[in-house]
Amino acid sequence: MEYSKIKSGLWLIVLLLAAIALVSWSLNRNFVMSEPETRLISVPVKRGEIEQGAQVSGVVIRDEMVSISPASGILKPVAEEKDRVRADTVVAQIMPGEIRGITWKSTQVDLVAERPGVVSFTLDGLERILTPSSWADFSAKKASQLVSEPVGVTPGMQVDVGQPLFRVIDNYRIYVLVFPEPDTWPSVGESLTEGKRCNLRFDSVVNRLCSARVVSRVNKAKAKDDSRPDALLLELTDFPHELYYLRHVRTKIITKTERGLVIPKQALVKGEDGYLVYMPANLGVSFRPVTVVASDESQVICEGLKEGQRVVINPSLVQETGITIWR
């Protein structure tokens, strides 16, 4: 009887200690989780640049010669994807083989490039629809709705007569037909007249600035008024390798590059007379009015700061936590 009481008491002590440990862990966890939320974070002011312009969608247009299989057999690529070849260079071969139970007795067929360019064994079906000579027949709406589903050709696959096998892309001329949104057009329209040059930054071409020339401004609805065209045809002056195979792209048309002192956009605070930023001080924070010169999606160029000064990038916590603000 006495043993049973002692055993019950020990279990009670164990349960009590477990409960205390659980509560302590929970409180400590909540403290750790909330600590970053109540701590001001600051970053230094740095010199940098911001590219101003407008984001647009577009369709890539190239001169592309598609090779059609003249015989049936097994395909053997000779050139590699994205190889540059000269005219009359052997790109692939069709080897005799058995297709659908029939043994072909034909000899090997060499497939050559009819013109110099870049080889691609990926086709999307739009090679003969969108060309530099036929793009004007498409309205902006029709061209932007074109759907492409790339199909790749693999070594050793069986091919039939008339089957498209590869394309040779003219790497001296490449165009992008872009469709500006009405709300973004005023910011870029004045500078994008025919013959003018601009810079492009493609979402799919990482860390590379591409240059282009405005070839044409197209407005199907108002042929005599191209103040807000449905589309712009841009000719690239260089040839990023990503554009060998891409058809639909997103790009930023850059019309101006501002340079100055850059801070994250979230550091800005809307004040009564404009914008200000908070800066760490000995016993709290101080604030300083700033003038925004340029901005993009994530950062701004400001006047009123010095390089190396630190600005708070979570300013909403200043009021929430009651931190002293020095004027």
C-alpha atoms as a PDB file:
ATOM      1  CA  MET A   1       0.000   0.000   0.000  1.00  0.00           C
ATOM      2  CA  GLU A   2       2.827   2.365   0.979  1.00  0.00           C
ATOM      3  CA  TYR A   3       4.753   1.411  -2.210  1.00  0.00           C
ATOM      4  CA  SER A   4       1.723   2.228  -4.349  1.00  0.00           C
ATOM      5  CA  LYS A   5       1.475   5.709  -2.834  1.00  0.00           C
ATOM      6  CA  ILE A   6       5.168   6.360  -3.421  1.00  0.00           C
ATOM      7  CA  LYS A   7       4.881   5.208  -7.050  1.00  0.00           C
ATOM      8  CA  SER A   8       1.842   7.461  -7.638  1.00  0.00           C
ATOM      9  CA  GLY A   9       3.737  10.405  -6.155  1.00  0.00           C
ATOM     10  CA  LEU A  10       6.717   9.824  -8.420  1.00  0.00           C
ATOM     11  CA  TRP A  11       4.502   9.760 -11.508  1.00  0.00           C
ATOM     12  CA  LEU A  12       2.861  13.005 -10.384  1.00  0.00           C
ATOM     13  CA  ILE A  13       6.281  14.645 -10.035  1.00  0.00           C
ATOM     14  CA  VAL A  14       7.329  13.387 -13.497  1.00  0.00           C
ATOM     15  CA  LEU A  15       4.145  14.748 -15.094  1.00  0.00           C
ATOM     16  CA  LEU A  16       4.607  18.101 -13.316  1.00  0.00           C
ATOM     17  CA  LEU A  17       8.211  18.399 -14.517  1.00  0.00           C
ATOM     18  CA  ALA A  18       7.135  17.508 -18.087  1.00  0.00           C
ATOM     19  CA  ALA A  19       4.447  20.186 -18.008  1.00  0.00           C
ATOM     20  CA  ILE A  20       6.931  22.787 -16.757  1.00  0.00           C
ATOM     21  CA  ALA A  21       9.432  21.810 -19.477  1.00  0.00           C
ATOM     22  CA  LEU A  22       6.745  22.047 -22.189  1.00  0.00           C
ATOM     23  CA  VAL A  23       5.603  25.486 -21.039  1.00  0.00           C
ATOM     24  CA  SER A  24       9.208  26.695 -20.838  1.00  0.00           C
ATOM     25  CA  TRP A  25       9.972  25.406 -24.346  1.00  0.00           C
ATOM     26  CA  SER A  26       6.835  27.054 -25.746  1.00  0.00           C
ATOM     27  CA  LEU A  27       7.628  30.420 -24.156  1.00  0.00           C
ATOM     28  CA  ASN A  28      11.235  30.269 -25.332  1.00  0.00           C
ATOM     29  CA  ARG A  29      10.138  29.320 -28.857  1.00  0.00           C
ATOM     30  CA  ASN A  30       7.691  32.221 -29.023  1.00  0.00           C
ATOM     31  CA  PHE A  31      10.416  34.576 -27.823  1.00  0.00           C
ATOM     32  CA  VAL A  32      12.848  33.332 -30.474  1.00  0.00           C
ATOM     33  CA  MET A  33      10.215  33.636 -33.193  1.00  0.00           C
ATOM     34  CA  SER A  34       9.141  37.132 -32.163  1.00  0.00           C
ATOM     35  CA  GLU A  35      12.639  38.505 -31.598  1.00  0.00           C
ATOM     36  CA  PRO A  36      13.402  39.215 -35.311  1.00  0.00           C
ATOM     37  CA  GLU A  37       9.996  40.868 -35.662  1.00  0.00           C
ATOM     38  CA  THR A  38      10.838  43.476 -33.003  1.00  0.00           C
ATOM     39  CA  ARG A  39      14.403  44.232 -34.102  1.00  0.00           C
ATOM     40  CA  LEU A  40      15.131  47.082 -36.480  1.00  0.00           C
ATOM     41  CA  ILE A  41      17.152  46.093 -39.552  1.00  0.00           C
ATOM     42  CA  SER A  42      19.306  48.623 -41.374  1.00  0.00           C
ATOM     43  CA  VAL A  43      21.435  48.556 -44.516  1.00  0.00           C
ATOM     44  CA  PRO A  44      24.069  50.984 -45.840  1.00  0.00           C
ATOM     45  CA  VAL A  45      23.354  53.504 -48.581  1.00  0.00           C
ATOM     46  CA  LYS A  46      25.260  52.527 -51.723  1.00  0.00           C
ATOM     47  CA  ARG A  47      25.915  53.958 -55.152  1.00  0.00           C
ATOM     48  CA  GLY A  48      24.139  52.174 -57.981  1.00  0.00           C
ATOM     49  CA  GLU A  49      21.893  52.562 -60.977  1.00  0.00           C
ATOM     50  CA  ILE A  50      18.266  52.004 -61.902  1.00  0.00           C
ATOM     51  CA  GLU A  51      17.005  51.218 -65.387  1.00  0.00           C
ATOM     52  CA  GLN A  52      13.776  53.007 -66.256  1.00  0.00           C
ATOM     53  CA  GLY A  53      11.355  51.837 -68.919  1.00  0.00           C
ATOM     54  CA  ALA A  54       8.406  49.488 -69.380  1.00  0.00           C
ATOM     55  CA  GLN A  55       7.839  45.736 -69.164  1.00  0.00           C
ATOM     56  CA  VAL A  56       6.302  44.292 -72.348  1.00  0.00           C
ATOM     57  CA  SER A  57       5.495  40.884 -73.792  1.00  0.00           C
ATOM     58  CA  GLY A  58       6.783  39.912 -77.208  1.00  0.00           C
ATOM     59  CA  VAL A  59       7.218  37.285 -79.910  1.00  0.00           C
ATOM     60  CA  VAL A  60      10.641  36.433 -81.352  1.00  0.00           C
ATOM     61  CA  ILE A  61      10.818  36.471 -85.159  1.00  0.00           C
ATOM     62  CA  ARG A  62      13.735  34.940 -87.075  1.00  0.00           C
ATOM     63  CA  ASP A  63      14.685  33.829 -90.558  1.00  0.00           C
ATOM     64  CA  GLU A  64      14.480  30.044 -90.177  1.00  0.00           C
ATOM     65  CA  MET A  65      14.992  27.405 -92.845  1.00  0.00           C
ATOM     66  CA  VAL A  66      13.234  24.158 -91.867  1.00  0.00           C
ATOM     67  CA  SER A  67      14.645  20.927 -93.300  1.00  0.00           C
ATOM     68  CA  ILE A  68      12.077  18.330 -94.397  1.00  0.00           C
ATOM     69  CA  SER A  69      12.959  14.649 -94.507  1.00  0.00           C
ATOM     70  CA  PRO A  70      13.371  13.450 -98.134  1.00  0.00           C
ATOM     71  CA  ALA A  71      13.412   9.773 -97.102  1.00  0.00           C
ATOM     72  CA  SER A  72      12.362   7.392 -94.345  1.00  0.00           C
ATOM     73  CA  GLY A  73      14.841   5.819 -91.952  1.00  0.00           C
ATOM     74  CA  ILE A  74      16.691   6.444 -88.718  1.00  0.00           C
ATOM     75  CA  LEU A  75      17.932   9.940 -87.986  1.00  0.00           C
ATOM     76  CA  LYS A  76      21.556  10.523 -87.047  1.00  0.00           C
ATOM     77  CA  PRO A  77      22.414  14.152 -86.101  1.00  0.00           C
ATOM     78  CA  VAL A  78      25.890  15.209 -87.192  1.00  0.00           C
ATOM     79  CA  ALA A  79      25.852  18.788 -85.905  1.00  0.00           C
ATOM     80  CA  GLU A  80      25.175  19.729 -82.287  1.00  0.00           C
ATOM     81  CA  GLU A  81      22.359  21.930 -81.040  1.00  0.00           C
ATOM     82  CA  LYS A  82      23.318  25.618 -81.470  1.00  0.00           C
ATOM     83  CA  ASP A  83      26.257  24.817 -83.783  1.00  0.00           C
ATOM     84  CA  ARG A  84      27.050  27.513 -86.336  1.00  0.00           C
ATOM     85  CA  VAL A  85      27.407  25.982 -89.783  1.00  0.00           C
ATOM     86  CA  ARG A  86      28.162  27.136 -93.290  1.00  0.00           C
ATOM     87  CA  ALA A  87      26.029  26.492 -96.335  1.00  0.00           C
ATOM     88  CA  ASP A  88      26.262  22.903 -97.696  1.00  0.00           C
ATOM     89  CA  THR A  89      27.492  21.614 -94.315  1.00  0.00           C
ATOM     90  CA  VAL A  90      26.123  18.176 -93.390  1.00  0.00           C
ATOM     91  CA  VAL A  91      23.800  18.653 -90.403  1.00  0.00           C
ATOM     92  CA  ALA A  92      22.201  15.194 -90.135  1.00  0.00           C
ATOM     93  CA  GLN A  93      21.927  11.854 -91.916  1.00  0.00           C
ATOM     94  CA  ILE A  94      19.082   9.416 -92.548  1.00  0.00           C
ATOM     95  CA  MET A  95      20.262   5.833 -92.211  1.00  0.00           C
ATOM     96  CA  PRO A  96      18.453   2.840 -93.745  1.00  0.00           C
ATOM     97  CA  GLY A  97      16.406   0.927 -91.185  1.00  0.00           C
ATOM     98  CA  GLU A  98      13.211  -0.901 -90.408  1.00  0.00           C
ATOM     99  CA  ILE A  99      10.117   1.237 -89.957  1.00  0.00           C
ATOM    100  CA  ARG A 100       6.725  -0.241 -89.146  1.00  0.00           C
ATOM    101  CA  GLY A 101       7.872  -3.715 -90.139  1.00  0.00           C
ATOM    102  CA  ILE A 102       9.230  -2.611 -93.515  1.00  0.00           C
ATOM    103  CA  THR A 103      12.953  -2.822 -94.210  1.00  0.00           C
ATOM    104  CA  TRP A 104      14.145   0.070 -96.343  1.00  0.00           C
ATOM    105  CA  LYS A 105      16.922  -0.656 -98.809  1.00  0.00           C
ATOM    106  CA  SER A 106      17.722   2.981 -99.534  1.00  0.00           C
ATOM    107  CA  THR A 107      21.247   4.272 -99.070  1.00  0.00           C
ATOM    108  CA  GLN A 108      22.347   6.833 -96.529  1.00  0.00           C
ATOM    109  CA  VAL A 109      20.969  10.344 -97.167  1.00  0.00           C
ATOM    110  CA  ASP A 110      22.969  13.430 -96.148  1.00  0.00           C
ATOM    111  CA  LEU A 111      20.981  16.500 -95.024  1.00  0.00           C
ATOM    112  CA  VAL A 112      22.845  19.762 -95.578  1.00  0.00           C
ATOM    113  CA  ALA A 113      22.298  23.354 -94.513  1.00  0.00           C
ATOM    114  CA  GLU A 114      20.993  25.359 -97.454  1.00  0.00           C
ATOM    115  CA  ARG A 115      22.261  28.582 -95.889  1.00  0.00           C
ATOM    116  CA  PRO A 116      24.678  29.509 -93.079  1.00  0.00           C
ATOM    117  CA  GLY A 117      23.282  29.872 -89.593  1.00  0.00           C
ATOM    118  CA  VAL A 118      22.649  28.231 -86.228  1.00  0.00           C
ATOM    119  CA  VAL A 119      21.361  24.647 -86.101  1.00  0.00           C
ATOM    120  CA  SER A 120      18.469  23.701 -83.826  1.00  0.00           C
ATOM    121  CA  PHE A 121      16.755  20.330 -83.557  1.00  0.00           C
ATOM    122  CA  THR A 122      13.854  21.904 -81.649  1.00  0.00           C
ATOM    123  CA  LEU A 123      10.829  23.123 -83.632  1.00  0.00           C
ATOM    124  CA  ASP A 124       7.649  24.847 -82.467  1.00  0.00           C
ATOM    125  CA  GLY A 125       5.617  24.965 -85.683  1.00  0.00           C
ATOM    126  CA  LEU A 126       5.788  28.756 -86.026  1.00  0.00           C
ATOM    127  CA  GLU A 127       8.980  28.830 -88.089  1.00  0.00           C
ATOM    128  CA  ARG A 128       7.079  29.353 -91.357  1.00  0.00           C
ATOM    129  CA  ILE A 129       4.299  31.506 -89.892  1.00  0.00           C
ATOM    130  CA  LEU A 130       6.266  34.277 -88.211  1.00  0.00           C
ATOM    131  CA  THR A 131       8.997  35.518 -90.529  1.00  0.00           C
ATOM    132  CA  PRO A 132      10.540  38.966 -91.054  1.00  0.00           C
ATOM    133  CA  SER A 133       8.664  39.235 -94.359  1.00  0.00           C
ATOM    134  CA  SER A 134       5.241  38.124 -93.103  1.00  0.00           C
ATOM    135  CA  TRP A 135       4.982  39.532 -89.586  1.00  0.00           C
ATOM    136  CA  ALA A 136       3.062  42.621 -90.761  1.00  0.00           C
ATOM    137  CA  ASP A 137       0.136  40.390 -91.772  1.00  0.00           C
ATOM    138  CA  PHE A 138      -0.536  39.644 -88.099  1.00  0.00           C
ATOM    139  CA  SER A 139      -2.411  41.973 -85.811  1.00  0.00           C
ATOM    140  CA  ALA A 140      -0.944  42.514 -82.372  1.00  0.00           C
ATOM    141  CA  LYS A 141      -3.755  40.513 -80.810  1.00  0.00           C
ATOM    142  CA  LYS A 142      -3.357  37.588 -83.199  1.00  0.00           C
ATOM    143  CA  ALA A 143       0.427  37.423 -82.867  1.00  0.00           C
ATOM    144  CA  SER A 144       0.363  37.673 -79.069  1.00  0.00           C
ATOM    145  CA  GLN A 145      -2.066  34.735 -78.893  1.00  0.00           C
ATOM    146  CA  LEU A 146       0.067  32.399 -81.008  1.00  0.00           C
ATOM    147  CA  VAL A 147       0.775  29.209 -79.103  1.00  0.00           C
ATOM    148  CA  SER A 148       3.959  27.224 -79.632  1.00  0.00           C
ATOM    149  CA  GLU A 149       4.710  23.755 -78.291  1.00  0.00           C
ATOM    150  CA  PRO A 150       8.366  22.931 -79.037  1.00  0.00           C
ATOM    151  CA  VAL A 151       9.114  19.409 -80.226  1.00  0.00           C
ATOM    152  CA  GLY A 152      12.622  18.014 -80.054  1.00  0.00           C
ATOM    153  CA  VAL A 153      14.281  15.609 -82.482  1.00  0.00           C
ATOM    154  CA  THR A 154      16.388  12.905 -80.806  1.00  0.00           C
ATOM    155  CA  PRO A 155      19.204  10.753 -82.227  1.00  0.00           C
ATOM    156  CA  GLY A 156      18.091   7.344 -83.443  1.00  0.00           C
ATOM    157  CA  MET A 157      14.439   8.274 -83.892  1.00  0.00           C
ATOM    158  CA  GLN A 158      12.533   6.937 -86.874  1.00  0.00           C
ATOM    159  CA  VAL A 159      11.512   9.548 -89.425  1.00  0.00           C
ATOM    160  CA  ASP A 160       9.161   9.535 -92.394  1.00  0.00           C
ATOM    161  CA  VAL A 161       9.188  11.357 -95.714  1.00  0.00           C
ATOM    162  CA  GLY A 162       7.995  14.954 -95.293  1.00  0.00           C
ATOM    163  CA  GLN A 163       8.685  15.124 -91.571  1.00  0.00           C
ATOM    164  CA  PRO A 164      10.349  18.357 -90.343  1.00  0.00           C
ATOM    165  CA  LEU A 165      13.700  17.497 -88.787  1.00  0.00           C
ATOM    166  CA  PHE A 166      15.657  20.607 -87.869  1.00  0.00           C
ATOM    167  CA  ARG A 167      15.984  24.299 -88.617  1.00  0.00           C
ATOM    168  CA  VAL A 168      18.877  26.578 -89.521  1.00  0.00           C
ATOM    169  CA  ILE A 169      18.446  30.018 -87.964  1.00  0.00           C
ATOM    170  CA  ASP A 170      19.873  33.123 -89.597  1.00  0.00           C
ATOM    171  CA  ASN A 171      21.940  34.512 -86.740  1.00  0.00           C
ATOM    172  CA  TYR A 172      22.500  37.834 -88.465  1.00  0.00           C
ATOM    173  CA  ARG A 173      18.934  39.081 -88.077  1.00  0.00           C
ATOM    174  CA  ILE A 174      16.571  38.576 -85.177  1.00  0.00           C
ATOM    175  CA  TYR A 175      13.461  40.604 -84.362  1.00  0.00           C
ATOM    176  CA  VAL A 176      11.139  40.949 -81.404  1.00  0.00           C
ATOM    177  CA  LEU A 177       7.543  42.038 -81.951  1.00  0.00           C
ATOM    178  CA  VAL A 178       6.483  43.656 -78.653  1.00  0.00           C
ATOM    179  CA  PHE A 179       3.055  44.760 -77.459  1.00  0.00           C
ATOM    180  CA  PRO A 180       3.103  47.758 -75.082  1.00  0.00           C
ATOM    181  CA  GLU A 181       0.270  48.039 -72.574  1.00  0.00           C
ATOM    182  CA  PRO A 182      -1.715  51.315 -72.812  1.00  0.00           C
ATOM    183  CA  ASP A 183      -0.793  52.342 -69.259  1.00  0.00           C
ATOM    184  CA  THR A 184       2.937  51.811 -69.802  1.00  0.00           C
ATOM    185  CA  TRP A 185       3.169  53.421 -73.219  1.00  0.00           C
ATOM    186  CA  PRO A 186       3.419  57.084 -72.097  1.00  0.00           C
ATOM    187  CA  SER A 187       6.661  56.309 -70.236  1.00  0.00           C
ATOM    188  CA  VAL A 188       8.432  54.969 -73.327  1.00  0.00           C
ATOM    189  CA  GLY A 189       6.491  56.203 -76.356  1.00  0.00           C
ATOM    190  CA  GLU A 190       8.268  59.489 -77.057  1.00  0.00           C
ATOM    191  CA  SER A 191      11.699  57.897 -77.367  1.00  0.00           C
ATOM    192  CA  LEU A 192      10.695  54.872 -79.456  1.00  0.00           C
ATOM    193  CA  THR A 193      10.289  56.357 -82.912  1.00  0.00           C
ATOM    194  CA  GLU A 194      11.398  54.535 -86.060  1.00  0.00           C
ATOM    195  CA  GLY A 195      15.165  54.313 -86.361  1.00  0.00           C
ATOM    196  CA  LYS A 196      15.788  55.022 -82.680  1.00  0.00           C
ATOM    197  CA  ARG A 197      17.893  52.651 -80.613  1.00  0.00           C
ATOM    198  CA  CYS A 198      17.052  51.278 -77.194  1.00  0.00           C
ATOM    199  CA  ASN A 199      18.248  48.658 -74.744  1.00  0.00           C
ATOM    200  CA  LEU A 200      16.354  45.518 -73.766  1.00  0.00           C
ATOM    201  CA  ARG A 201      16.662  43.264 -70.744  1.00  0.00           C
ATOM    202  CA  PHE A 202      14.976  39.891 -71.313  1.00  0.00           C
ATOM    203  CA  ASP A 203      13.667  37.922 -68.335  1.00  0.00           C
ATOM    204  CA  SER A 204      15.111  34.754 -69.893  1.00  0.00           C
ATOM    205  CA  VAL A 205      18.541  36.219 -70.789  1.00  0.00           C
ATOM    206  CA  VAL A 206      20.280  36.515 -67.431  1.00  0.00           C
ATOM    207  CA  ASN A 207      22.634  39.420 -66.680  1.00  0.00           C
ATOM    208  CA  ARG A 208      22.840  40.671 -70.247  1.00  0.00           C
ATOM    209  CA  LEU A 209      21.780  43.989 -71.712  1.00  0.00           C
ATOM    210  CA  CYS A 210      20.750  43.696 -75.375  1.00  0.00           C
ATOM    211  CA  SER A 211      20.595  46.560 -77.848  1.00  0.00           C
ATOM    212  CA  ALA A 212      17.921  46.990 -80.515  1.00  0.00           C
ATOM    213  CA  ARG A 213      16.638  49.362 -83.189  1.00  0.00           C
ATOM    214  CA  VAL A 214      13.008  50.339 -83.774  1.00  0.00           C
ATOM    215  CA  VAL A 215      12.182  49.100 -87.275  1.00  0.00           C
ATOM    216  CA  SER A 216       8.469  49.837 -87.373  1.00  0.00           C
ATOM    217  CA  ARG A 217       5.513  51.066 -85.317  1.00  0.00           C
ATOM    218  CA  VAL A 218       2.270  49.316 -86.183  1.00  0.00           C
ATOM    219  CA  ASN A 219      -1.240  50.506 -85.473  1.00  0.00           C
ATOM    220  CA  LYS A 220      -3.922  48.496 -87.253  1.00  0.00           C
ATOM    221  CA  ALA A 221      -6.847  50.454 -85.823  1.00  0.00           C
ATOM    222  CA  LYS A 222      -5.524  53.920 -86.686  1.00  0.00           C
ATOM    223  CA  ALA A 223      -3.156  53.607 -89.594  1.00  0.00           C
ATOM    224  CA  LYS A 224      -2.573  57.380 -89.760  1.00  0.00           C
ATOM    225  CA  ASP A 225      -1.969  57.827 -86.039  1.00  0.00           C
ATOM    226  CA  ASP A 226       0.806  55.781 -84.475  1.00  0.00           C
ATOM    227  CA  SER A 227       1.054  57.821 -81.275  1.00  0.00           C
ATOM    228  CA  ARG A 228       0.067  54.654 -79.409  1.00  0.00           C
ATOM    229  CA  PRO A 229       0.841  51.706 -81.687  1.00  0.00           C
ATOM    230  CA  ASP A 230      -0.475  48.207 -81.158  1.00  0.00           C
ATOM    231  CA  ALA A 231       3.025  46.817 -81.596  1.00  0.00           C
ATOM    232  CA  LEU A 232       6.666  47.701 -82.134  1.00  0.00           C
ATOM    233  CA  LEU A 233       9.042  45.709 -84.302  1.00  0.00           C
ATOM    234  CA  LEU A 234      12.554  45.790 -82.827  1.00  0.00           C
ATOM    235  CA  GLU A 235      15.652  44.461 -84.572  1.00  0.00           C
ATOM    236  CA  LEU A 236      18.353  43.211 -82.211  1.00  0.00           C
ATOM    237  CA  THR A 237      21.927  44.218 -82.924  1.00  0.00           C
ATOM    238  CA  ASP A 238      23.260  41.165 -81.066  1.00  0.00           C
ATOM    239  CA  PHE A 239      22.131  37.556 -80.788  1.00  0.00           C
ATOM    240  CA  PRO A 240      21.797  36.059 -77.253  1.00  0.00           C
ATOM    241  CA  HIS A 241      22.001  32.267 -77.451  1.00  0.00           C
ATOM    242  CA  GLU A 242      18.766  31.925 -75.412  1.00  0.00           C
ATOM    243  CA  LEU A 243      16.844  33.393 -78.341  1.00  0.00           C
ATOM    244  CA  TYR A 244      17.788  30.444 -80.581  1.00  0.00           C
ATOM    245  CA  TYR A 245      14.845  28.492 -79.214  1.00  0.00           C
ATOM    246  CA  LEU A 246      12.562  30.941 -77.337  1.00  0.00           C
ATOM    247  CA  ARG A 247       9.435  32.251 -79.049  1.00  0.00           C
ATOM    248  CA  HIS A 248       7.414  34.083 -76.405  1.00  0.00           C
ATOM    249  CA  VAL A 249       9.396  36.458 -74.188  1.00  0.00           C
ATOM    250  CA  ARG A 250       9.020  39.122 -71.542  1.00  0.00           C
ATOM    251  CA  THR A 251      11.384  42.059 -71.778  1.00  0.00           C
ATOM    252  CA  LYS A 252      11.967  45.483 -70.295  1.00  0.00           C
ATOM    253  CA  ILE A 253      12.436  48.315 -72.771  1.00  0.00           C
ATOM    254  CA  ILE A 254      14.998  50.601 -71.139  1.00  0.00           C
ATOM    255  CA  THR A 255      14.751  54.234 -72.111  1.00  0.00           C
ATOM    256  CA  LYS A 256      16.923  55.808 -69.409  1.00  0.00           C
ATOM    257  CA  THR A 257      19.464  54.769 -66.771  1.00  0.00           C
ATOM    258  CA  GLU A 258      19.677  56.819 -63.573  1.00  0.00           C
ATOM    259  CA  ARG A 259      22.749  56.669 -61.326  1.00  0.00           C
ATOM    260  CA  GLY A 260      22.993  57.772 -57.724  1.00  0.00           C
ATOM    261  CA  LEU A 261      22.554  56.637 -54.115  1.00  0.00           C
ATOM    262  CA  VAL A 262      20.371  53.533 -53.962  1.00  0.00           C
ATOM    263  CA  ILE A 263      18.298  52.209 -51.041  1.00  0.00           C
ATOM    264  CA  PRO A 264      15.688  49.420 -50.834  1.00  0.00           C
ATOM    265  CA  LYS A 265      12.184  50.573 -51.641  1.00  0.00           C
ATOM    266  CA  GLN A 266      10.812  49.308 -48.321  1.00  0.00           C
ATOM    267  CA  ALA A 267      12.962  51.869 -46.463  1.00  0.00           C
ATOM    268  CA  LEU A 268      10.784  54.746 -47.712  1.00  0.00           C
ATOM    269  CA  VAL A 269       8.191  56.252 -45.359  1.00  0.00           C
ATOM    270  CA  LYS A 270       5.409  58.470 -46.682  1.00  0.00           C
ATOM    271  CA  GLY A 271       5.426  61.722 -44.699  1.00  0.00           C
ATOM    272  CA  GLU A 272       3.237  64.797 -44.701  1.00  0.00           C
ATOM    273  CA  ASP A 273       5.476  66.691 -47.121  1.00  0.00           C
ATOM    274  CA  GLY A 274       6.947  63.800 -49.117  1.00  0.00           C
ATOM    275  CA  TYR A 275       9.160  60.847 -48.315  1.00  0.00           C
ATOM    276  CA  LEU A 276      11.547  60.248 -45.428  1.00  0.00           C
ATOM    277  CA  VAL A 277      13.775  57.450 -44.104  1.00  0.00           C
ATOM    278  CA  TYR A 278      14.649  56.367 -40.584  1.00  0.00           C
ATOM    279  CA  MET A 279      18.302  56.110 -39.540  1.00  0.00           C
ATOM    280  CA  PRO A 280      19.652  54.350 -36.435  1.00  0.00           C
ATOM    281  CA  ALA A 281      20.604  56.767 -33.591  1.00  0.00           C
ATOM    282  CA  ASN A 282      22.146  56.215 -30.160  1.00  0.00           C
ATOM    283  CA  LEU A 283      18.862  55.971 -28.235  1.00  0.00           C
ATOM    284  CA  GLY A 284      16.454  55.257 -31.093  1.00  0.00           C
ATOM    285  CA  VAL A 285      16.179  56.480 -34.671  1.00  0.00           C
ATOM    286  CA  SER A 286      16.365  59.801 -36.459  1.00  0.00           C
ATOM    287  CA  PHE A 287      14.542  60.650 -39.646  1.00  0.00           C
ATOM    288  CA  ARG A 288      15.643  62.489 -42.753  1.00  0.00           C
ATOM    289  CA  PRO A 289      13.551  63.801 -45.675  1.00  0.00           C
ATOM    290  CA  VAL A 290      14.586  62.450 -49.067  1.00  0.00           C
ATOM    291  CA  THR A 291      13.721  63.164 -52.689  1.00  0.00           C
ATOM    292  CA  VAL A 292      13.048  60.169 -54.929  1.00  0.00           C
ATOM    293  CA  VAL A 293      14.780  60.542 -58.292  1.00  0.00           C
ATOM    294  CA  ALA A 294      14.023  57.142 -59.838  1.00  0.00           C
ATOM    295  CA  SER A 295      12.629  53.766 -58.807  1.00  0.00           C
ATOM    296  CA  ASP A 296      11.996  50.234 -59.993  1.00  0.00           C
ATOM    297  CA  GLU A 297      10.271  47.229 -58.456  1.00  0.00           C
ATOM    298  CA  SER A 298      12.678  46.847 -55.522  1.00  0.00           C
ATOM    299  CA  GLN A 299      14.853  49.945 -55.052  1.00  0.00           C
ATOM    300  CA  VAL A 300      14.945  53.747 -55.347  1.00  0.00           C
ATOM    301  CA  ILE A 301      17.539  56.423 -56.028  1.00  0.00           C
ATOM    302  CA  CYS A 302      17.294  59.229 -53.457  1.00  0.00           C
ATOM    303  CA  GLU A 303      18.746  62.671 -52.864  1.00  0.00           C
ATOM    304  CA  GLY A 304      19.342  63.839 -49.293  1.00  0.00           C
ATOM    305  CA  LEU A 305      21.540  60.964 -48.103  1.00  0.00           C
ATOM    306  CA  LYS A 306      25.264  60.229 -48.002  1.00  0.00           C
ATOM    307  CA  GLU A 307      27.019  57.070 -49.092  1.00  0.00           C
ATOM    308  CA  GLY A 308      27.638  54.710 -46.179  1.00  0.00           C
ATOM    309  CA  GLN A 309      24.815  56.001 -43.980  1.00  0.00           C
ATOM    310  CA  ARG A 310      22.446  53.301 -42.726  1.00  0.00           C
ATOM    311  CA  VAL A 311      18.692  53.317 -43.294  1.00  0.00           C
ATOM    312  CA  VAL A 312      16.048  51.185 -41.590  1.00  0.00           C
ATOM    313  CA  ILE A 313      14.347  48.768 -44.002  1.00  0.00           C
ATOM    314  CA  ASN A 314      11.498  47.736 -41.648  1.00  0.00           C
ATOM    315  CA  PRO A 315      10.302  51.224 -40.627  1.00  0.00           C
ATOM    316  CA  SER A 316       6.808  50.050 -39.662  1.00  0.00           C
ATOM    317  CA  LEU A 317       8.283  48.727 -36.391  1.00  0.00           C
ATOM    318  CA  VAL A 318       9.360  52.213 -35.299  1.00  0.00           C
ATOM    319  CA  GLN A 319       5.816  53.222 -34.363  1.00  0.00           C
ATOM    320  CA  GLU A 320       4.675  49.739 -33.338  1.00  0.00           C
ATOM    321  CA  THR A 321       7.429  49.268 -30.739  1.00  0.00           C
ATOM    322  CA  GLY A 322       7.507  52.846 -29.483  1.00  0.00           C
ATOM    323  CA  ILE A 323      11.136  53.508 -30.416  1.00  0.00           C
ATOM    324  CA  THR A 324      12.285  57.069 -29.776  1.00  0.00           C
ATOM    325  CA  ILE A 325      12.408  59.249 -32.904  1.00  0.00           C
ATOM    326  CA  TRP A 326      14.947  62.094 -32.825  1.00  0.00           C
ATOM    327  CA  ARG A 327      14.049  65.104 -34.895  1.00  0.00           C
END
